[in-house]
Amino acid sequence: MTLLRPVIAALVLACGLALAPVATYAKPDNTVQATESVHPAIQQADAHREKEARRKRYLLFFPIAVVGVTVALIVITRRK
């Protein structure tokens, strides 16, 4: 049982880090005025950057799921 506590704490920390928003750059205060004066190519690059950040965040879920399944299997097999 003493081994399970750090594993659960690490799993909770990993899930918290995975769900934290990825800050790629600071957004301007006035978004209406900023979007009107920004070049379309820059807007397209910003949209691509946001898509990549979202993709990287979703890729973190795979290792978290592997750790979660491993811990669940360890707990299940030790109780039998």
Protein backbone atom coordinates (compact mmCIF):
# COMPACT_ATOMS: atom_id res chain seq x y z
CA MET A 1 0.00 0.00 0.00
CA THR A 2 2.93 2.34 0.62
CA LEU A 3 4.06 1.93 -3.00
CA LEU A 4 0.61 2.78 -4.32
CA ARG A 5 0.47 6.27 -2.78
CA PRO A 6 3.42 7.74 -4.74
CA VAL A 7 2.16 6.11 -7.94
CA ILE A 8 -1.29 7.63 -7.49
CA ALA A 9 0.27 11.01 -6.65
CA ALA A 10 2.40 10.84 -9.80
CA LEU A 11 -0.65 9.89 -11.87
CA VAL A 12 -2.64 12.83 -10.49
CA LEU A 13 0.27 15.20 -11.18
CA ALA A 14 0.68 13.89 -14.72
CA CYS A 15 -3.03 14.30 -15.41
CA GLY A 16 -2.93 17.84 -14.05
CA LEU A 17 0.00 18.74 -16.25
CA ALA A 18 -1.66 17.20 -19.28
CA LEU A 19 -4.86 19.13 -18.76
CA ALA A 20 -3.09 22.44 -18.17
CA PRO A 21 -3.43 24.84 -21.06
CA VAL A 22 -0.42 25.23 -23.31
CA ALA A 23 0.57 28.88 -23.57
CA THR A 24 2.27 29.32 -26.91
CA TYR A 25 2.15 33.10 -26.92
CA ALA A 26 0.38 35.96 -25.16
CA LYS A 27 -2.89 37.05 -26.72
CA PRO A 28 -3.46 40.79 -27.17
CA ASP A 29 -5.88 42.56 -24.84
CA ASN A 30 -8.18 43.84 -27.54
CA THR A 31 -8.78 40.86 -29.83
CA VAL A 32 -11.25 42.62 -32.14
CA GLN A 33 -8.83 45.39 -32.97
CA ALA A 34 -5.88 43.00 -33.14
CA THR A 35 -7.53 40.64 -35.63
CA GLU A 36 -8.43 43.48 -37.99
CA SER A 37 -4.89 44.80 -38.21
CA VAL A 38 -3.04 41.47 -38.47
CA HIS A 39 -1.96 40.15 -41.85
CA PRO A 40 -3.90 37.05 -43.01
CA ALA A 41 -0.71 34.99 -43.28
CA ILE A 42 0.07 35.76 -39.65
CA GLN A 43 -3.46 34.75 -38.64
CA GLN A 44 -3.03 31.50 -40.52
CA ALA A 45 0.30 30.85 -38.80
CA ASP A 46 -1.27 31.56 -35.41
CA ALA A 47 -4.08 29.11 -36.13
CA HIS A 48 -1.52 26.48 -37.17
CA ARG A 49 0.46 27.10 -33.97
CA GLU A 50 -2.66 26.67 -31.85
CA LYS A 51 -3.51 23.44 -33.68
CA GLU A 52 -0.01 22.08 -33.03
CA ALA A 53 -0.20 23.00 -29.34
CA ARG A 54 -3.56 21.22 -29.05
CA ARG A 55 -2.11 18.16 -30.79
CA LYS A 56 0.87 18.05 -28.44
CA ARG A 57 -1.42 18.27 -25.42
CA TYR A 58 -3.52 15.35 -26.69
CA LEU A 59 -0.38 13.30 -27.31
CA LEU A 60 0.34 13.49 -23.57
CA PHE A 61 -2.78 11.46 -22.84
CA PHE A 62 -1.28 8.26 -24.26
CA PRO A 63 1.52 7.89 -21.65
CA ILE A 64 -0.93 8.86 -18.91
CA ALA A 65 -3.34 6.17 -20.06
CA VAL A 66 -0.53 3.60 -20.15
CA VAL A 67 0.49 4.45 -16.58
CA GLY A 68 -3.14 4.35 -15.44
CA VAL A 69 -3.78 0.94 -17.00
CA THR A 70 -0.52 -0.40 -15.57
CA VAL A 71 -1.38 0.79 -12.06
CA ALA A 72 -4.88 -0.64 -12.37
CA LEU A 73 -3.53 -4.02 -13.47
CA ILE A 74 -1.01 -4.07 -10.62
CA VAL A 75 -3.72 -3.27 -8.09
CA ILE A 76 -6.10 -5.87 -9.52
CA THR A 77 -3.48 -8.64 -9.64
CA ARG A 78 -2.24 -7.98 -6.10
CA ARG A 79 -5.71 -8.19 -4.59
CA LYS A 80 -6.34 -11.72 -5.91
